[in-house]
Structures are given as C-alpha cells and as structure tokens.
Amino acid sequence: MLRIIGVLLLIPILDVLLLVVLMGVIGWEVVVLAVVLSALVGLLLARAEGRNTLRKIQQKLAQGKPPTDELLDAALLLVAGGFLLTPGLVTDAVGLLLVVPLTRYPIRLAVKRWVVVPYVDAKAGGFATGNVYISGFPGGEGGQQGSGQGQAPGPGPGPGPGDTGENVHDLDEDAYDIDPGDDRQR
C-alpha cells in the first residue's frame, strides 16, 4: 500500500519537473497548449469509451451474466478521467494509457490479479479461489490447505477414509418423536 502511495506522490513531482524542463526548452505557450489539448483529447476518448463500456454492461446484464470485466473497465475509466483532469503531461499520459482499450486490457488483468482477487479472497475466507482448509486447523498440525478439490470435512455422501460403517445410524422419520397433529414449528 505504501508503494502505491509513493507512486501516486511521485507522479505530480515528475509532472512538475517535466513541465519546467519543457518550458525552458520550447516555451510556456507550447507547453500550456500541449497540456490543454492532451487533456481535451483524452477526455473525449474517455467519454466515448465510457459510453461503450456502459453499453457492454447493459448487454451483459440483459444476458444474465455478471459484468465483472466491464465494471473494472468503468473503474479504470473513472480513474483515467481524474488523471486527465489533473493538469500535466505525465498525468495525461497515464490517463491516456487507461483510456485506450489496447493498453487498458493488461492493466485490467493486473488489477484483477493483484487487487481484486486477493481482496475478495480475504473477505470470503479463501472460497473465491478455492484456497480453503480441508482438514484440521489452519496453521496447526494436520491442516492441509486445499485447492478447492477433495472432500470437505463433515458428513458426506459416503464413508470417509478409515470408516468401517459400524457407527452409521439411519434415522428415518419414525425415529423422531414428533406428533403429526402438532402445528408448532420446532
């Protein structure tokens, strides 16, 4: 997390340094024009991509499918809009990288892999990726971390390993002492 904050703080510093260097080389009028034009073109692209992404989200929802990639694209476009509104050439370049679909795709994959999946997995206790414990206690002896495959502990469809079947008790509805005329729920 500190690395992300460090990178986000580094971007404005690079932006200011680049603007100062370019103003000394080509003049402040050209630099201001380049900043305004890059922001304007980027925002027009972000608007068009936003409409395209919204249409894809609506199509996925109409088909009954979850629009996961499209929602990530929408979030990246929102971040791109923020970068494009911030004056500076470096922020505009980062914003343009997030707007263009060709460069947004690998960024979306990286965000999904390193941000979304670990977050969801931590909130779901490992069930999102199938990285759950299948026996014993986590971190204790005999605890195995599974890959979502294999038999979970507890009663299952058949006898487990080492089960001889001697302690199996079949309880049908006659084994319960329930009065059929009793309307109370238990």
Protein backbone atom coordinates (compact mmCIF):
# COMPACT_ATOMS: atom_id res chain seq x y z
CA MET A 1 0.00 0.00 0.00
CA LEU A 2 2.85 2.36 0.77
CA ARG A 3 4.32 1.67 -2.66
CA ILE A 4 1.08 2.75 -4.32
CA ILE A 5 1.00 5.94 -2.26
CA GLY A 6 4.66 6.56 -3.13
CA VAL A 7 3.97 6.16 -6.85
CA LEU A 8 0.94 8.44 -6.63
CA LEU A 9 3.07 11.09 -4.92
CA LEU A 10 5.84 10.63 -7.45
CA ILE A 11 3.59 11.38 -10.44
CA PRO A 12 2.96 15.08 -9.62
CA ILE A 13 6.67 15.59 -8.89
CA LEU A 14 7.58 14.14 -12.28
CA ASP A 15 4.85 16.26 -13.84
CA VAL A 16 6.22 19.49 -12.42
CA LEU A 17 9.80 18.62 -13.37
CA LEU A 18 8.78 17.77 -16.94
CA LEU A 19 6.77 20.99 -17.28
CA VAL A 20 9.68 23.10 -16.00
CA VAL A 21 12.14 21.42 -18.38
CA LEU A 22 9.82 21.74 -21.37
CA MET A 23 9.07 25.40 -20.60
CA GLY A 24 12.77 26.12 -20.71
CA VAL A 25 13.21 24.24 -23.99
CA ILE A 26 10.14 25.06 -26.12
CA GLY A 27 8.40 27.89 -24.26
CA TRP A 28 5.49 28.10 -21.90
CA GLU A 29 2.86 28.78 -24.61
CA VAL A 30 3.51 25.47 -26.37
CA VAL A 31 3.59 23.56 -23.08
CA VAL A 32 0.25 25.00 -21.94
CA LEU A 33 -1.26 24.25 -25.35
CA ALA A 34 0.03 20.65 -25.20
CA VAL A 35 -1.39 20.15 -21.70
CA VAL A 36 -4.80 21.53 -22.64
CA LEU A 37 -5.01 19.60 -25.92
CA SER A 38 -3.91 16.30 -24.39
CA ALA A 39 -6.48 16.70 -21.62
CA LEU A 40 -9.23 17.59 -24.09
CA VAL A 41 -8.49 14.68 -26.45
CA GLY A 42 -8.18 12.30 -23.50
CA LEU A 43 -11.49 13.37 -22.00
CA LEU A 44 -13.26 12.95 -25.36
CA LEU A 45 -11.79 9.44 -25.63
CA ALA A 46 -12.79 8.68 -22.03
CA ARG A 47 -16.34 9.80 -22.74
CA ALA A 48 -16.59 7.59 -25.84
CA GLU A 49 -15.07 4.59 -24.04
CA GLY A 50 -17.37 5.19 -21.07
CA ARG A 51 -20.43 5.01 -23.31
CA ASN A 52 -19.07 1.87 -24.97
CA THR A 53 -18.41 0.26 -21.58
CA LEU A 54 -21.88 1.20 -20.32
CA ARG A 55 -23.41 -0.44 -23.39
CA LYS A 56 -21.37 -3.61 -22.71
CA ILE A 57 -22.52 -3.64 -19.08
CA GLN A 58 -26.15 -3.38 -20.18
CA GLN A 59 -25.69 -6.21 -22.70
CA LYS A 60 -24.12 -8.50 -20.11
CA LEU A 61 -26.90 -7.77 -17.62
CA ALA A 62 -29.53 -8.42 -20.28
CA GLN A 63 -27.92 -11.81 -20.92
CA GLY A 64 -27.93 -12.57 -17.19
CA LYS A 65 -24.13 -12.62 -16.95
CA PRO A 66 -22.09 -10.69 -14.38
CA PRO A 67 -20.28 -7.73 -15.99
CA THR A 68 -17.07 -8.11 -13.98
CA ASP A 69 -14.57 -7.04 -16.63
CA GLU A 70 -16.79 -4.21 -17.76
CA LEU A 71 -17.10 -2.88 -14.21
CA LEU A 72 -13.32 -2.92 -13.86
CA ASP A 73 -13.09 -1.06 -17.17
CA ALA A 74 -15.57 1.51 -15.86
CA ALA A 75 -13.49 1.99 -12.70
CA LEU A 76 -10.30 2.37 -14.75
CA LEU A 77 -12.04 4.93 -16.98
CA LEU A 78 -13.11 6.85 -13.90
CA VAL A 79 -9.51 6.92 -12.67
CA ALA A 80 -8.39 7.93 -16.17
CA GLY A 81 -10.82 10.86 -16.10
CA GLY A 82 -9.28 12.03 -12.84
CA PHE A 83 -5.78 11.82 -14.29
CA LEU A 84 -6.85 13.65 -17.44
CA LEU A 85 -8.46 16.47 -15.47
CA THR A 86 -5.25 16.98 -13.49
CA PRO A 87 -3.05 19.40 -15.41
CA GLY A 88 0.25 17.95 -16.50
CA LEU A 89 1.74 15.82 -19.25
CA VAL A 90 2.62 12.80 -17.08
CA THR A 91 -0.89 12.58 -15.63
CA ASP A 92 -2.33 12.96 -19.11
CA ALA A 93 -0.10 10.14 -20.37
CA VAL A 94 -1.23 7.86 -17.51
CA GLY A 95 -4.85 8.82 -18.20
CA LEU A 96 -4.45 8.05 -21.91
CA LEU A 97 -2.94 4.65 -21.04
CA LEU A 98 -6.07 3.87 -19.03
CA VAL A 99 -8.45 5.16 -21.72
CA VAL A 100 -7.12 3.29 -24.75
CA PRO A 101 -8.56 -0.28 -24.77
CA LEU A 102 -5.31 -1.80 -26.08
CA THR A 103 -3.35 -0.61 -23.04
CA ARG A 104 -6.26 -0.82 -20.58
CA TYR A 105 -6.61 -4.60 -21.07
CA PRO A 106 -3.27 -5.59 -19.46
CA ILE A 107 -3.82 -3.02 -16.71
CA ARG A 108 -7.26 -4.54 -16.04
CA LEU A 109 -5.70 -8.02 -15.83
CA ALA A 110 -3.08 -6.76 -13.38
CA VAL A 111 -5.69 -5.01 -11.22
CA LYS A 112 -7.82 -8.13 -11.20
CA ARG A 113 -4.90 -10.39 -10.30
CA TRP A 114 -3.18 -8.26 -7.65
CA VAL A 115 -6.03 -6.20 -6.19
CA VAL A 116 -9.49 -7.66 -6.75
CA VAL A 117 -8.84 -11.39 -6.31
CA PRO A 118 -6.76 -11.05 -3.11
CA TYR A 119 -9.35 -8.68 -1.62
CA VAL A 120 -12.30 -10.94 -2.43
CA ASP A 121 -10.36 -13.99 -1.29
CA ALA A 122 -9.55 -12.35 2.05
CA LYS A 123 -13.18 -11.35 2.56
CA ALA A 124 -14.52 -14.80 1.58
CA GLY A 125 -12.01 -16.77 3.65
CA GLY A 126 -10.43 -18.43 0.63
CA PHE A 127 -13.62 -19.57 -1.07
CA ALA A 128 -13.17 -17.22 -4.05
CA THR A 129 -10.06 -19.00 -5.28
CA GLY A 130 -10.68 -22.37 -3.63
CA ASN A 131 -7.78 -21.89 -1.25
CA VAL A 132 -9.59 -23.32 1.79
CA TYR A 133 -8.58 -25.70 4.53
CA ILE A 134 -10.00 -29.18 4.05
CA SER A 135 -8.97 -30.80 7.33
CA GLY A 136 -7.54 -29.92 10.70
CA PHE A 137 -6.97 -26.40 11.87
CA PRO A 138 -5.35 -23.64 9.80
CA GLY A 139 -1.68 -23.46 10.74
CA GLY A 140 -1.90 -26.42 13.06
CA GLU A 141 -0.72 -29.98 12.67
CA GLY A 142 -2.64 -31.96 10.13
CA GLY A 143 -4.07 -28.87 8.49
CA GLN A 144 -3.98 -29.11 4.73
CA GLN A 145 -4.61 -26.17 2.53
CA GLY A 146 -6.59 -27.37 -0.43
CA SER A 147 -7.09 -26.16 -3.90
CA GLY A 148 -10.84 -26.39 -3.76
CA GLN A 149 -10.75 -30.06 -4.64
CA GLY A 150 -11.29 -33.07 -2.46
CA GLN A 151 -13.77 -33.90 0.20
CA ALA A 152 -14.59 -31.32 2.82
CA PRO A 153 -14.78 -32.36 6.46
CA GLY A 154 -18.11 -33.39 7.87
CA PRO A 155 -20.83 -35.73 6.72
CA GLY A 156 -20.59 -36.59 3.10
CA PRO A 157 -22.27 -38.88 0.62
CA GLY A 158 -20.28 -41.94 1.63
CA PRO A 159 -17.92 -43.31 4.22
CA GLY A 160 -14.68 -41.43 4.67
CA PRO A 161 -11.18 -42.87 4.86
CA GLY A 162 -10.89 -45.38 7.70
CA ASP A 163 -14.64 -45.51 8.26
CA THR A 164 -15.85 -49.09 8.70
CA GLY A 165 -19.52 -48.18 8.68
CA GLU A 166 -20.16 -49.63 12.15
CA ASN A 167 -21.31 -46.34 13.70
CA VAL A 168 -23.75 -45.41 10.96
CA HIS A 169 -27.29 -44.81 12.25
CA ASP A 170 -30.12 -44.39 9.81
CA LEU A 171 -32.71 -42.06 11.24
CA ASP A 172 -35.92 -42.06 9.30
CA GLU A 173 -38.98 -40.00 10.15
CA ASP A 174 -40.27 -42.70 12.56
CA ALA A 175 -37.20 -42.19 14.76
CA TYR A 176 -38.27 -38.63 15.59
CA ASP A 177 -40.79 -38.22 18.39
CA ILE A 178 -42.99 -35.70 16.63
CA ASP A 179 -46.76 -35.65 16.89
CA PRO A 180 -48.20 -35.41 13.35
CA GLY A 181 -51.04 -33.21 14.63
CA ASP A 182 -48.67 -30.73 16.26
CA ASP A 183 -48.77 -27.43 14.30
CA ARG A 184 -45.91 -25.76 16.19
CA GLN A 185 -42.65 -25.36 14.33
CA ARG A 186 -39.56 -26.57 16.06
